[in-house]
C-alpha atoms as a PDB file:
ATOM      1  CA  MET A   1      54.829  79.682 -44.271  1.00  0.00           C
ATOM      2  CA  ARG A   2      53.955  75.852 -45.786  1.00  0.00           C
ATOM      3  CA  TYR A   3      51.604  76.072 -48.530  1.00  0.00           C
ATOM      4  CA  GLY A   4      48.831  73.533 -48.837  1.00  0.00           C
ATOM      5  CA  VAL A   5      49.211  71.625 -52.265  1.00  0.00           C
ATOM      6  CA  PHE A   6      46.417  70.469 -54.020  1.00  0.00           C
ATOM      7  CA  TYR A   7      45.518  68.865 -57.567  1.00  0.00           C
ATOM      8  CA  SER A   8      42.898  69.531 -59.842  1.00  0.00           C
ATOM      9  CA  PRO A   9      40.875  66.293 -61.267  1.00  0.00           C
ATOM     10  CA  ALA A  10      42.967  66.593 -64.484  1.00  0.00           C
ATOM     11  CA  ALA A  11      46.395  67.032 -63.321  1.00  0.00           C
ATOM     12  CA  GLN A  12      45.720  63.654 -61.156  1.00  0.00           C
ATOM     13  CA  ARG A  13      44.542  61.549 -64.348  1.00  0.00           C
ATOM     14  CA  GLU A  14      47.432  63.222 -66.295  1.00  0.00           C
ATOM     15  CA  ILE A  15      49.922  62.055 -63.204  1.00  0.00           C
ATOM     16  CA  ILE A  16      48.433  58.592 -63.345  1.00  0.00           C
ATOM     17  CA  LYS A  17      48.705  58.417 -67.217  1.00  0.00           C
ATOM     18  CA  LEU A  18      52.658  58.958 -67.077  1.00  0.00           C
ATOM     19  CA  SER A  19      54.239  55.789 -67.890  1.00  0.00           C
ATOM     20  CA  GLN A  20      57.576  56.080 -66.688  1.00  0.00           C
ATOM     21  CA  ARG A  21      57.863  55.818 -62.781  1.00  0.00           C
ATOM     22  CA  ARG A  22      61.037  57.324 -62.446  1.00  0.00           C
ATOM     23  CA  GLU A  23      59.716  60.619 -64.026  1.00  0.00           C
ATOM     24  CA  ARG A  24      56.200  60.309 -62.258  1.00  0.00           C
ATOM     25  CA  ARG A  25      58.570  60.502 -59.065  1.00  0.00           C
ATOM     26  CA  ARG A  26      60.195  63.426 -60.363  1.00  0.00           C
ATOM     27  CA  ILE A  27      57.416  65.630 -60.868  1.00  0.00           C
ATOM     28  CA  LEU A  28      55.980  64.392 -57.639  1.00  0.00           C
ATOM     29  CA  ASP A  29      58.932  65.406 -55.630  1.00  0.00           C
ATOM     30  CA  ALA A  30      58.935  68.757 -57.505  1.00  0.00           C
ATOM     31  CA  ILE A  31      55.157  69.252 -56.648  1.00  0.00           C
ATOM     32  CA  ASP A  32      55.980  68.004 -52.900  1.00  0.00           C
ATOM     33  CA  LYS A  33      58.519  70.709 -52.664  1.00  0.00           C
ATOM     34  CA  LEU A  34      56.096  73.631 -53.682  1.00  0.00           C
ATOM     35  CA  ALA A  35      54.924  73.737 -50.119  1.00  0.00           C
ATOM     36  CA  GLY A  36      57.889  75.362 -49.026  1.00  0.00           C
ATOM     37  CA  ASP A  37      58.613  77.180 -51.658  1.00  0.00           C
ATOM     38  CA  PRO A  38      55.908  77.640 -54.131  1.00  0.00           C
ATOM     39  CA  ARG A  39      58.116  79.492 -56.689  1.00  0.00           C
ATOM     40  CA  PRO A  40      60.999  77.454 -56.659  1.00  0.00           C
ATOM     41  CA  PRO A  41      64.160  78.664 -59.035  1.00  0.00           C
ATOM     42  CA  GLY A  42      63.586  78.060 -62.735  1.00  0.00           C
ATOM     43  CA  SER A  43      59.847  78.748 -62.083  1.00  0.00           C
ATOM     44  CA  ARG A  44      58.241  81.232 -64.066  1.00  0.00           C
ATOM     45  CA  LYS A  45      55.007  83.554 -63.973  1.00  0.00           C
ATOM     46  CA  LEU A  46      52.907  83.083 -67.460  1.00  0.00           C
ATOM     47  CA  THR A  47      52.522  86.200 -69.427  1.00  0.00           C
ATOM     48  CA  ASN A  48      48.844  87.903 -68.770  1.00  0.00           C
ATOM     49  CA  SER A  49      48.139  85.303 -66.424  1.00  0.00           C
ATOM     50  CA  ARG A  50      48.257  84.063 -63.179  1.00  0.00           C
ATOM     51  CA  LEU A  51      49.488  80.783 -63.192  1.00  0.00           C
ATOM     52  CA  TRP A  52      52.989  79.601 -62.795  1.00  0.00           C
ATOM     53  CA  ARG A  53      55.175  77.498 -64.937  1.00  0.00           C
ATOM     54  CA  LEU A  54      57.630  74.759 -63.638  1.00  0.00           C
ATOM     55  CA  ARG A  55      59.796  72.571 -65.665  1.00  0.00           C
ATOM     56  CA  VAL A  56      60.324  69.302 -64.761  1.00  0.00           C
ATOM     57  CA  GLY A  57      62.601  67.876 -67.049  1.00  0.00           C
ATOM     58  CA  ASP A  58      60.606  67.567 -70.526  1.00  0.00           C
ATOM     59  CA  HIS A  59      56.940  68.115 -68.473  1.00  0.00           C
ATOM     60  CA  ARG A  60      55.411  71.169 -67.394  1.00  0.00           C
ATOM     61  CA  VAL A  61      53.582  71.696 -64.198  1.00  0.00           C
ATOM     62  CA  ILE A  62      51.409  74.421 -64.246  1.00  0.00           C
ATOM     63  CA  SER A  63      50.024  75.943 -61.044  1.00  0.00           C
ATOM     64  CA  SER A  64      47.924  78.679 -59.732  1.00  0.00           C
ATOM     65  CA  ILE A  65      49.137  80.548 -56.425  1.00  0.00           C
ATOM     66  CA  ASP A  66      46.896  82.061 -53.940  1.00  0.00           C
ATOM     67  CA  ASP A  67      49.678  83.701 -51.106  1.00  0.00           C
ATOM     68  CA  ASP A  68      46.665  85.079 -48.874  1.00  0.00           C
ATOM     69  CA  ARG A  69      45.668  81.690 -48.386  1.00  0.00           C
ATOM     70  CA  ALA A  70      48.694  79.718 -48.610  1.00  0.00           C
ATOM     71  CA  ILE A  71      47.749  76.919 -51.127  1.00  0.00           C
ATOM     72  CA  VAL A  72      49.077  76.110 -54.420  1.00  0.00           C
ATOM     73  CA  VAL A  73      46.515  74.296 -57.055  1.00  0.00           C
ATOM     74  CA  VAL A  74      48.359  71.777 -59.600  1.00  0.00           C
ATOM     75  CA  LEU A  75      45.890  72.155 -62.468  1.00  0.00           C
ATOM     76  CA  ARG A  76      48.052  70.946 -65.049  1.00  0.00           C
ATOM     77  CA  VAL A  77      51.119  68.615 -65.643  1.00  0.00           C
ATOM     78  CA  ALA A  78      52.088  67.552 -69.122  1.00  0.00           C
ATOM     79  CA  HIS A  79      54.722  66.967 -71.770  1.00  0.00           C
ATOM     80  CA  ARG A  80      56.294  70.524 -72.875  1.00  0.00           C
ATOM     81  CA  THR A  81      55.099  69.657 -76.418  1.00  0.00           C
ATOM     82  CA  ARG A  82      51.380  69.451 -75.165  1.00  0.00           C
ATOM     83  CA  VAL A  83      51.396  72.801 -73.460  1.00  0.00           C
ATOM     84  CA  THR A  84      49.854  75.444 -75.987  1.00  0.00           C
ATOM     85  CA  GLU A  85      49.084  79.149 -75.793  1.00  0.00           C
ATOM     86  CA  VAL A  86      45.146  77.821 -76.251  1.00  0.00           C
ATOM     87  CA  ASP A  87      45.097  75.691 -73.520  1.00  0.00           C
ATOM     88  CA  LEU A  88      47.050  78.181 -70.899  1.00  0.00           C
ATOM     89  CA  ALA A  89      44.117  80.410 -71.302  1.00  0.00           C
ATOM     90  CA  ASP A  90      41.570  78.061 -70.652  1.00  0.00           C
ATOM     91  CA  LEU A  91      43.563  77.035 -67.826  1.00  0.00           C
ATOM     92  CA  GLN A  92      43.453  80.437 -66.250  1.00  0.00           C
ATOM     93  CA  ARG A  93      39.645  81.047 -66.599  1.00  0.00           C
ATOM     94  CA  ARG A  94      39.823  77.663 -64.317  1.00  0.00           C
ATOM     95  CA  ALA A  95      41.830  78.260 -61.895  1.00  0.00           C
ATOM     96  CA  ALA A  96      39.553  80.598 -59.522  1.00  0.00           C
ATOM     97  CA  LYS A  97      36.786  77.671 -59.788  1.00  0.00           C
ATOM     98  CA  ALA A  98      39.736  75.301 -58.670  1.00  0.00           C
ATOM     99  CA  ILE A  99      40.906  77.302 -56.027  1.00  0.00           C
ATOM    100  CA  ARG A 100      37.152  77.477 -54.966  1.00  0.00           C
ATOM    101  CA  ARG A 101      36.499  73.917 -54.995  1.00  0.00           C
ATOM    102  CA  THR A 102      39.637  73.143 -53.013  1.00  0.00           C
ATOM    103  CA  LEU A 103      38.797  75.728 -50.227  1.00  0.00           C
ATOM    104  CA  GLN A 104      35.460  73.710 -50.287  1.00  0.00           C
ATOM    105  CA  GLY A 105      37.329  70.356 -49.660  1.00  0.00           C
ATOM    106  CA  GLU A 106      36.567  69.325 -52.961  1.00  0.00           C
ATOM    107  CA  GLY A 107      40.187  69.567 -53.495  1.00  0.00           C
ATOM    108  CA  HIS A 108      42.732  66.628 -53.499  1.00  0.00           C
ATOM    109  CA  ARG A 109      45.803  67.392 -50.946  1.00  0.00           C
ATOM    110  CA  SER A 110      49.005  65.826 -51.523  1.00  0.00           C
ATOM    111  CA  THR A 111      50.623  63.316 -49.404  1.00  0.00           C
END
């Protein structure tokens, strides 16, 4: 089953801000592969959360996966030093809202 992959506005901004084109391409390629396998080898479920982390070099892709609807919402893309426990707690609260917006057509689908 293929999953739809969507980006939160924050994730889109963070991807655009990446200065190195090569690193941006690597991250986008890894995100695109989430459509075929939303939990690829090396991804981890975050403790006490419904969020998943994917390592791409020195960056982390934080996503929420809804298996019932077959969608992945990329919530955050950041350098590993910028992803903190406080930030993850905030993302957990926003994940459900991001999924609702995505289902209403406000999310941005990956191409």
